[in-house]
Amino acid sequence: AAIDVFPTEPKKNGPGFDNPLRGTPNVILTPHVAGSTEEAQENIGYFVANKLADYAENGSTVLSVNLPAVQAQRPGARRIMHLHRNVPGVLATINTILAEHGTNIEGQTLATRGQTGYVVLDIAGEVSDAVVAALKAMPEAVRVEVR
């Protein structure tokens, strides 16, 4: 038998877990929450660190629980990440600002979730301070980053 649910869940590994089935032949007792094992905690640490690095390097928010999921299409490209309130016209305003400053968009990925929108723009060349200032000045803007 393999059992992972108990009337009183174990608080930690080791001798503190008392159950009448403990030590019974052919019985496996495991935590109900698989994330409680040492191996799972180590794997979760690596997973989270890699997701944060992917966001920091590429702007990717895939598997985020708080943001719309956007996967960077061109790793290593000059990139603008624009987190904003999800209202009509935001993308048009962003594109207009970039066009007015002669900034060419090579790739663009937008996703929304509820009241939040997130767009990642791959840019040809440099991004001027004036472009960044204009994007940050948008009333809908929550956060703007350039990489």
N, C-alpha and C. Protein backbone atom coordinates (compact mmCIF):
# COMPACT_ATOMS: atom_id res chain seq x y z
N ALA A 1 0.85 -1.18 0.00
CA ALA A 1 0.00 0.00 0.00
C ALA A 1 0.89 1.24 0.00
N ALA A 2 0.46 2.26 -0.69
CA ALA A 2 1.14 3.55 -0.67
C ALA A 2 0.12 4.59 -0.22
N ILE A 3 0.44 5.32 0.83
CA ILE A 3 -0.51 6.24 1.46
C ILE A 3 0.13 7.63 1.53
N ASP A 4 -0.65 8.64 1.10
CA ASP A 4 -0.12 10.01 1.20
C ASP A 4 -1.08 10.98 1.86
N VAL A 5 -2.16 10.49 2.43
CA VAL A 5 -3.10 11.35 3.16
C VAL A 5 -3.33 10.73 4.53
N PHE A 6 -3.23 11.55 5.56
CA PHE A 6 -3.33 11.06 6.94
C PHE A 6 -4.30 11.93 7.73
N PRO A 7 -4.89 11.39 8.79
CA PRO A 7 -5.77 12.22 9.63
C PRO A 7 -5.04 13.45 10.18
N THR A 8 -3.78 13.26 10.53
CA THR A 8 -2.93 14.38 10.95
C THR A 8 -1.70 14.35 10.05
N GLU A 9 -1.55 15.36 9.19
CA GLU A 9 -0.45 15.38 8.24
C GLU A 9 0.88 15.54 8.96
N PRO A 10 1.91 14.86 8.47
CA PRO A 10 3.24 15.01 9.08
C PRO A 10 3.76 16.43 8.88
N LYS A 11 4.42 16.95 9.90
CA LYS A 11 4.96 18.31 9.83
C LYS A 11 6.33 18.33 9.18
N LYS A 12 7.09 17.22 9.29
CA LYS A 12 8.44 17.17 8.74
C LYS A 12 8.85 15.72 8.60
N ASN A 13 9.96 15.50 7.88
CA ASN A 13 10.51 14.15 7.77
C ASN A 13 11.13 13.75 9.10
N GLY A 14 11.26 12.47 9.33
CA GLY A 14 11.99 12.00 10.51
C GLY A 14 11.10 11.39 11.56
N PRO A 15 11.68 11.19 12.75
CA PRO A 15 11.00 10.42 13.79
C PRO A 15 9.77 11.12 14.39
N GLY A 16 9.56 12.41 14.10
CA GLY A 16 8.41 13.11 14.67
C GLY A 16 7.08 12.67 14.09
N PHE A 17 7.10 11.90 13.00
CA PHE A 17 5.87 11.45 12.36
C PHE A 17 5.44 10.13 12.99
N ASP A 18 4.32 10.16 13.68
CA ASP A 18 3.83 8.96 14.36
C ASP A 18 2.57 8.47 13.67
N ASN A 19 2.63 7.23 13.19
CA ASN A 19 1.48 6.63 12.52
C ASN A 19 1.55 5.13 12.75
N PRO A 20 0.41 4.50 13.05
CA PRO A 20 0.43 3.06 13.33
C PRO A 20 0.96 2.22 12.16
N LEU A 21 0.94 2.75 10.94
CA LEU A 21 1.42 1.99 9.78
C LEU A 21 2.92 2.14 9.56
N ARG A 22 3.54 3.06 10.29
CA ARG A 22 4.97 3.29 10.10
C ARG A 22 5.76 2.02 10.43
N GLY A 23 6.61 1.61 9.51
CA GLY A 23 7.42 0.42 9.71
C GLY A 23 6.74 -0.87 9.29
N THR A 24 5.49 -0.79 8.84
CA THR A 24 4.78 -1.98 8.39
C THR A 24 5.34 -2.43 7.05
N PRO A 25 5.60 -3.77 6.91
CA PRO A 25 6.13 -4.25 5.63
C PRO A 25 5.14 -3.95 4.48
N ASN A 26 5.66 -3.69 3.32
CA ASN A 26 4.89 -3.44 2.10
C ASN A 26 3.99 -2.21 2.19
N VAL A 27 4.35 -1.24 3.04
CA VAL A 27 3.59 0.01 3.17
C VAL A 27 4.56 1.17 2.94
N ILE A 28 4.17 2.08 2.06
CA ILE A 28 4.96 3.28 1.80
C ILE A 28 4.13 4.47 2.28
N LEU A 29 4.73 5.29 3.13
CA LEU A 29 4.08 6.50 3.63
C LEU A 29 4.83 7.70 3.07
N THR A 30 4.12 8.58 2.37
CA THR A 30 4.74 9.77 1.79
C THR A 30 3.94 11.00 2.16
N PRO A 31 4.56 12.18 2.10
CA PRO A 31 3.80 13.40 2.39
C PRO A 31 2.73 13.62 1.33
N HIS A 32 1.61 14.17 1.75
CA HIS A 32 0.53 14.48 0.82
C HIS A 32 0.99 15.54 -0.18
N VAL A 33 1.72 16.52 0.30
CA VAL A 33 2.25 17.57 -0.55
C VAL A 33 3.63 17.12 -1.00
N ALA A 34 3.75 16.75 -2.26
CA ALA A 34 5.01 16.23 -2.77
C ALA A 34 6.13 17.25 -2.63
N GLY A 35 5.78 18.52 -2.59
CA GLY A 35 6.78 19.57 -2.43
C GLY A 35 7.45 19.55 -1.08
N SER A 36 6.99 18.72 -0.17
CA SER A 36 7.58 18.65 1.16
C SER A 36 8.87 17.85 1.19
N THR A 37 9.16 17.07 0.17
CA THR A 37 10.38 16.26 0.19
C THR A 37 11.59 17.15 -0.08
N GLU A 38 12.74 16.72 0.40
CA GLU A 38 13.97 17.48 0.17
C GLU A 38 14.27 17.62 -1.32
N GLU A 39 14.05 16.53 -2.07
CA GLU A 39 14.31 16.57 -3.50
C GLU A 39 13.40 17.58 -4.20
N ALA A 40 12.15 17.58 -3.81
CA ALA A 40 11.20 18.52 -4.42
C ALA A 40 11.57 19.95 -4.09
N GLN A 41 11.97 20.22 -2.86
CA GLN A 41 12.36 21.57 -2.48
C GLN A 41 13.56 22.03 -3.29
N GLU A 42 14.54 21.14 -3.50
CA GLU A 42 15.71 21.49 -4.31
C GLU A 42 15.30 21.77 -5.76
N ASN A 43 14.44 20.91 -6.31
CA ASN A 43 13.99 21.11 -7.69
C ASN A 43 13.18 22.39 -7.84
N ILE A 44 12.35 22.70 -6.86
CA ILE A 44 11.56 23.93 -6.90
C ILE A 44 12.49 25.14 -6.89
N GLY A 45 13.54 25.07 -6.07
CA GLY A 45 14.51 26.17 -6.01
C GLY A 45 15.15 26.42 -7.37
N TYR A 46 15.59 25.35 -8.04
CA TYR A 46 16.18 25.49 -9.37
C TYR A 46 15.15 26.04 -10.36
N PHE A 47 13.94 25.51 -10.31
CA PHE A 47 12.89 25.93 -11.24
C PHE A 47 12.61 27.43 -11.10
N VAL A 48 12.41 27.87 -9.85
CA VAL A 48 12.08 29.27 -9.61
C VAL A 48 13.25 30.16 -10.02
N ALA A 49 14.47 29.76 -9.68
CA ALA A 49 15.64 30.56 -10.05
C ALA A 49 15.75 30.69 -11.57
N ASN A 50 15.50 29.59 -12.29
CA ASN A 50 15.56 29.65 -13.75
C ASN A 50 14.46 30.52 -14.33
N LYS A 51 13.26 30.48 -13.75
CA LYS A 51 12.16 31.34 -14.23
C LYS A 51 12.49 32.81 -13.99
N LEU A 52 13.07 33.13 -12.83
CA LEU A 52 13.45 34.52 -12.55
C LEU A 52 14.56 34.97 -13.50
N ALA A 53 15.52 34.10 -13.76
CA ALA A 53 16.60 34.44 -14.69
C ALA A 53 16.05 34.66 -16.09
N ASP A 54 15.09 33.83 -16.51
CA ASP A 54 14.49 33.98 -17.83
C ASP A 54 13.75 35.30 -17.94
N TYR A 55 13.09 35.71 -16.84
CA TYR A 55 12.42 37.02 -16.85
C TYR A 55 13.47 38.13 -16.92
N ALA A 56 14.50 38.03 -16.09
CA ALA A 56 15.52 39.08 -16.04
C ALA A 56 16.26 39.21 -17.36
N GLU A 57 16.55 38.09 -18.02
CA GLU A 57 17.31 38.13 -19.26
C GLU A 57 16.45 38.39 -20.49
N ASN A 58 15.23 37.84 -20.51
CA ASN A 58 14.43 37.87 -21.73
C ASN A 58 13.06 38.51 -21.59
N GLY A 59 12.61 38.75 -20.36
CA GLY A 59 11.27 39.31 -20.15
C GLY A 59 10.18 38.26 -20.18
N SER A 60 10.53 36.99 -20.20
CA SER A 60 9.54 35.91 -20.28
C SER A 60 8.77 35.78 -18.96
N THR A 61 7.45 35.65 -19.07
CA THR A 61 6.60 35.46 -17.89
C THR A 61 5.81 34.16 -17.96
N VAL A 62 6.27 33.21 -18.78
CA VAL A 62 5.58 31.92 -18.92
C VAL A 62 5.52 31.23 -17.56
N LEU A 63 4.37 30.71 -17.20
CA LEU A 63 4.06 30.02 -15.94
C LEU A 63 3.99 30.96 -14.74
N SER A 64 3.97 32.26 -14.97
CA SER A 64 3.78 33.21 -13.87
C SER A 64 2.34 33.12 -13.39
N VAL A 65 2.15 33.22 -12.09
CA VAL A 65 0.78 33.19 -11.56
C VAL A 65 0.19 34.59 -11.47
N ASN A 66 1.02 35.63 -11.59
CA ASN A 66 0.54 37.00 -11.41
C ASN A 66 0.48 37.83 -12.68
N LEU A 67 1.12 37.35 -13.74
CA LEU A 67 1.20 38.13 -14.97
C LEU A 67 0.74 37.32 -16.16
N PRO A 68 0.31 38.01 -17.22
CA PRO A 68 0.00 37.29 -18.45
C PRO A 68 1.25 36.57 -18.96
N ALA A 69 1.07 35.43 -19.58
CA ALA A 69 2.19 34.63 -20.06
C ALA A 69 2.70 35.13 -21.40
N VAL A 70 3.96 35.58 -21.42
CA VAL A 70 4.61 36.01 -22.65
C VAL A 70 5.95 35.30 -22.73
N GLN A 71 6.21 34.67 -23.87
CA GLN A 71 7.49 33.99 -24.12
C GLN A 71 8.28 34.83 -25.11
N ALA A 72 9.49 35.18 -24.71
CA ALA A 72 10.35 35.96 -25.60
C ALA A 72 10.61 35.18 -26.88
N GLN A 73 10.48 35.84 -28.01
CA GLN A 73 10.63 35.17 -29.30
C GLN A 73 12.07 35.18 -29.81
N ARG A 74 12.84 36.17 -29.40
CA ARG A 74 14.20 36.31 -29.92
C ARG A 74 15.17 36.54 -28.76
N PRO A 75 15.57 35.48 -28.10
CA PRO A 75 16.50 35.64 -26.96
C PRO A 75 17.73 36.45 -27.36
N GLY A 76 18.11 37.36 -26.48
CA GLY A 76 19.30 38.16 -26.72
C GLY A 76 19.05 39.46 -27.46
N ALA A 77 17.84 39.69 -27.97
CA ALA A 77 17.54 40.92 -28.71
C ALA A 77 17.43 42.09 -27.74
N ARG A 78 17.61 43.32 -28.27
CA ARG A 78 17.32 44.53 -27.49
C ARG A 78 15.82 44.49 -27.24
N ARG A 79 15.41 44.69 -26.01
CA ARG A 79 14.03 44.40 -25.66
C ARG A 79 13.45 45.47 -24.74
N ILE A 80 12.17 45.81 -25.00
CA ILE A 80 11.38 46.66 -24.10
C ILE A 80 10.30 45.77 -23.51
N MET A 81 10.17 45.80 -22.17
CA MET A 81 9.09 45.08 -21.50
C MET A 81 8.16 46.13 -20.88
N HIS A 82 6.89 46.07 -21.24
CA HIS A 82 5.93 47.09 -20.81
C HIS A 82 4.75 46.41 -20.11
N LEU A 83 4.69 46.58 -18.80
CA LEU A 83 3.57 46.08 -18.00
C LEU A 83 2.59 47.23 -17.83
N HIS A 84 1.32 46.98 -18.11
CA HIS A 84 0.35 48.08 -18.13
C HIS A 84 -1.05 47.61 -17.73
N ARG A 85 -1.90 48.59 -17.45
CA ARG A 85 -3.32 48.30 -17.21
C ARG A 85 -3.94 47.93 -18.56
N ASN A 86 -4.76 46.91 -18.54
CA ASN A 86 -5.36 46.38 -19.76
C ASN A 86 -6.58 47.19 -20.15
N VAL A 87 -6.34 48.23 -20.93
CA VAL A 87 -7.43 49.07 -21.45
C VAL A 87 -7.23 49.24 -22.95
N PRO A 88 -8.30 49.52 -23.69
CA PRO A 88 -8.17 49.68 -25.14
C PRO A 88 -7.21 50.80 -25.52
N GLY A 89 -6.41 50.55 -26.54
CA GLY A 89 -5.55 51.58 -27.10
C GLY A 89 -4.12 51.60 -26.60
N VAL A 90 -3.78 50.79 -25.59
CA VAL A 90 -2.43 50.84 -25.03
C VAL A 90 -1.40 50.43 -26.08
N LEU A 91 -1.63 49.34 -26.77
CA LEU A 91 -0.67 48.87 -27.76
C LEU A 91 -0.49 49.90 -28.89
N ALA A 92 -1.58 50.51 -29.30
CA ALA A 92 -1.48 51.55 -30.35
C ALA A 92 -0.64 52.72 -29.86
N THR A 93 -0.81 53.11 -28.61
CA THR A 93 -0.03 54.23 -28.06
C THR A 93 1.45 53.87 -28.00
N ILE A 94 1.76 52.64 -27.55
CA ILE A 94 3.16 52.19 -27.49
C ILE A 94 3.78 52.23 -28.89
N ASN A 95 3.07 51.68 -29.86
CA ASN A 95 3.59 51.65 -31.23
C ASN A 95 3.77 53.06 -31.79
N THR A 96 2.86 53.95 -31.47
CA THR A 96 2.96 55.34 -31.94
C THR A 96 4.18 56.03 -31.33
N ILE A 97 4.40 55.83 -30.03
CA ILE A 97 5.57 56.43 -29.38
C ILE A 97 6.85 55.94 -30.05
N LEU A 98 6.93 54.64 -30.27
CA LEU A 98 8.14 54.09 -30.90
C LEU A 98 8.32 54.64 -32.32
N ALA A 99 7.24 54.70 -33.09
CA ALA A 99 7.33 55.21 -34.46
C ALA A 99 7.74 56.68 -34.48
N GLU A 100 7.19 57.48 -33.58
CA GLU A 100 7.52 58.91 -33.52
C GLU A 100 8.99 59.14 -33.20
N HIS A 101 9.62 58.20 -32.52
CA HIS A 101 11.04 58.32 -32.16
C HIS A 101 11.95 57.53 -33.12
N GLY A 102 11.38 57.02 -34.21
CA GLY A 102 12.17 56.30 -35.19
C GLY A 102 12.71 54.96 -34.70
N THR A 103 11.99 54.36 -33.78
CA THR A 103 12.40 53.07 -33.22
C THR A 103 11.67 51.96 -33.95
N ASN A 104 12.42 51.01 -34.52
CA ASN A 104 11.83 49.95 -35.32
C ASN A 104 11.57 48.70 -34.46
N ILE A 105 10.35 48.19 -34.54
CA ILE A 105 9.96 46.98 -33.83
C ILE A 105 10.23 45.78 -34.73
N GLU A 106 11.05 44.83 -34.23
CA GLU A 106 11.34 43.62 -34.99
C GLU A 106 10.44 42.46 -34.59
N GLY A 107 9.91 42.51 -33.39
CA GLY A 107 9.02 41.47 -32.90
C GLY A 107 8.22 42.00 -31.73
N GLN A 108 7.01 41.49 -31.56
CA GLN A 108 6.14 41.99 -30.51
C GLN A 108 5.24 40.87 -30.03
N THR A 109 5.19 40.68 -28.70
CA THR A 109 4.32 39.67 -28.13
C THR A 109 3.53 40.30 -26.99
N LEU A 110 2.20 40.19 -27.07
CA LEU A 110 1.32 40.77 -26.07
C LEU A 110 0.44 39.69 -25.48
N ALA A 111 0.23 39.77 -24.17
CA ALA A 111 -0.75 38.91 -23.51
C ALA A 111 -1.43 39.74 -22.43
N THR A 112 -2.67 39.39 -22.13
CA THR A 112 -3.39 40.06 -21.06
C THR A 112 -3.99 39.02 -20.13
N ARG A 113 -4.19 39.44 -18.90
CA ARG A 113 -4.88 38.61 -17.91
C ARG A 113 -5.65 39.56 -17.02
N GLY A 114 -6.96 39.53 -17.17
CA GLY A 114 -7.80 40.42 -16.36
C GLY A 114 -7.47 41.87 -16.63
N GLN A 115 -7.11 42.58 -15.59
CA GLN A 115 -6.83 44.01 -15.69
C GLN A 115 -5.39 44.33 -16.08
N THR A 116 -4.58 43.30 -16.33
CA THR A 116 -3.16 43.51 -16.59
C THR A 116 -2.79 43.08 -18.00
N GLY A 117 -1.97 43.90 -18.65
CA GLY A 117 -1.42 43.57 -19.96
C GLY A 117 0.09 43.62 -19.90
N TYR A 118 0.74 42.82 -20.72
CA TYR A 118 2.20 42.77 -20.75
C TYR A 118 2.63 42.57 -22.19
N VAL A 119 3.47 43.48 -22.67
CA VAL A 119 3.97 43.36 -24.04
C VAL A 119 5.50 43.37 -24.00
N VAL A 120 6.09 42.47 -24.79
CA VAL A 120 7.53 42.42 -24.97
C VAL A 120 7.81 42.80 -26.42
N LEU A 121 8.65 43.82 -26.59
CA LEU A 121 8.97 44.32 -27.92
C LEU A 121 10.44 44.12 -28.20
N ASP A 122 10.77 43.42 -29.28
CA ASP A 122 12.15 43.29 -29.73
C ASP A 122 12.42 44.46 -30.67
N ILE A 123 13.51 45.17 -30.40
CA ILE A 123 13.79 46.43 -31.07
C ILE A 123 15.07 46.33 -31.88
N ALA A 124 15.08 46.96 -33.05
CA ALA A 124 16.30 47.08 -33.85
C ALA A 124 17.08 48.27 -33.32
N GLY A 125 18.32 48.05 -32.93
CA GLY A 125 19.17 49.16 -32.46
C GLY A 125 18.93 49.52 -31.02
N GLU A 126 19.35 50.72 -30.68
CA GLU A 126 19.26 51.21 -29.31
C GLU A 126 17.88 51.80 -29.01
N VAL A 127 17.58 51.90 -27.73
CA VAL A 127 16.33 52.51 -27.27
C VAL A 127 16.72 53.79 -26.54
N SER A 128 16.25 54.91 -27.04
CA SER A 128 16.66 56.20 -26.47
C SER A 128 15.98 56.45 -25.11
N ASP A 129 16.60 57.32 -24.34
CA ASP A 129 16.01 57.73 -23.06
C ASP A 129 14.66 58.40 -23.27
N ALA A 130 14.50 59.11 -24.39
CA ALA A 130 13.23 59.79 -24.68
C ALA A 130 12.11 58.76 -24.88
N VAL A 131 12.41 57.64 -25.54
CA VAL A 131 11.41 56.58 -25.74
C VAL A 131 11.01 56.00 -24.38
N VAL A 132 11.99 55.70 -23.56
CA VAL A 132 11.70 55.12 -22.24
C VAL A 132 10.87 56.09 -21.41
N ALA A 133 11.23 57.36 -21.43
CA ALA A 133 10.48 58.37 -20.67
C ALA A 133 9.04 58.47 -21.16
N ALA A 134 8.84 58.44 -22.47
CA ALA A 134 7.48 58.53 -23.02
C ALA A 134 6.65 57.30 -22.66
N LEU A 135 7.27 56.12 -22.72
CA LEU A 135 6.54 54.90 -22.35
C LEU A 135 6.17 54.90 -20.87
N LYS A 136 7.09 55.35 -20.03
CA LYS A 136 6.82 55.41 -18.59
C LYS A 136 5.76 56.46 -18.25
N ALA A 137 5.67 57.50 -19.08
CA ALA A 137 4.71 58.58 -18.82
C ALA A 137 3.28 58.20 -19.20
N MET A 138 3.11 57.11 -19.90
CA MET A 138 1.76 56.69 -20.26
C MET A 138 0.94 56.45 -18.99
N PRO A 139 -0.29 56.97 -18.92
CA PRO A 139 -1.09 56.79 -17.70
C PRO A 139 -1.37 55.31 -17.38
N GLU A 140 -1.35 54.46 -18.39
CA GLU A 140 -1.65 53.04 -18.19
C GLU A 140 -0.42 52.24 -17.74
N ALA A 141 0.77 52.83 -17.88
CA ALA A 141 2.01 52.12 -17.59
C ALA A 141 2.11 51.78 -16.11
N VAL A 142 2.51 50.54 -15.84
CA VAL A 142 2.79 50.09 -14.47
C VAL A 142 4.29 49.98 -14.29
N ARG A 143 4.98 49.37 -15.27
CA ARG A 143 6.43 49.21 -15.21
C ARG A 143 6.97 49.09 -16.64
N VAL A 144 8.09 49.73 -16.88
CA VAL A 144 8.74 49.67 -18.18
C VAL A 144 10.22 49.35 -17.93
N GLU A 145 10.72 48.34 -18.63
CA GLU A 145 12.13 47.99 -18.52
C GLU A 145 12.70 47.80 -19.91
N VAL A 146 13.99 48.08 -20.05
CA VAL A 146 14.69 47.90 -21.31
C VAL A 146 15.89 47.00 -21.06
N ARG A 147 16.08 46.03 -21.92
CA ARG A 147 17.24 45.12 -21.83
C ARG A 147 17.88 45.01 -23.19
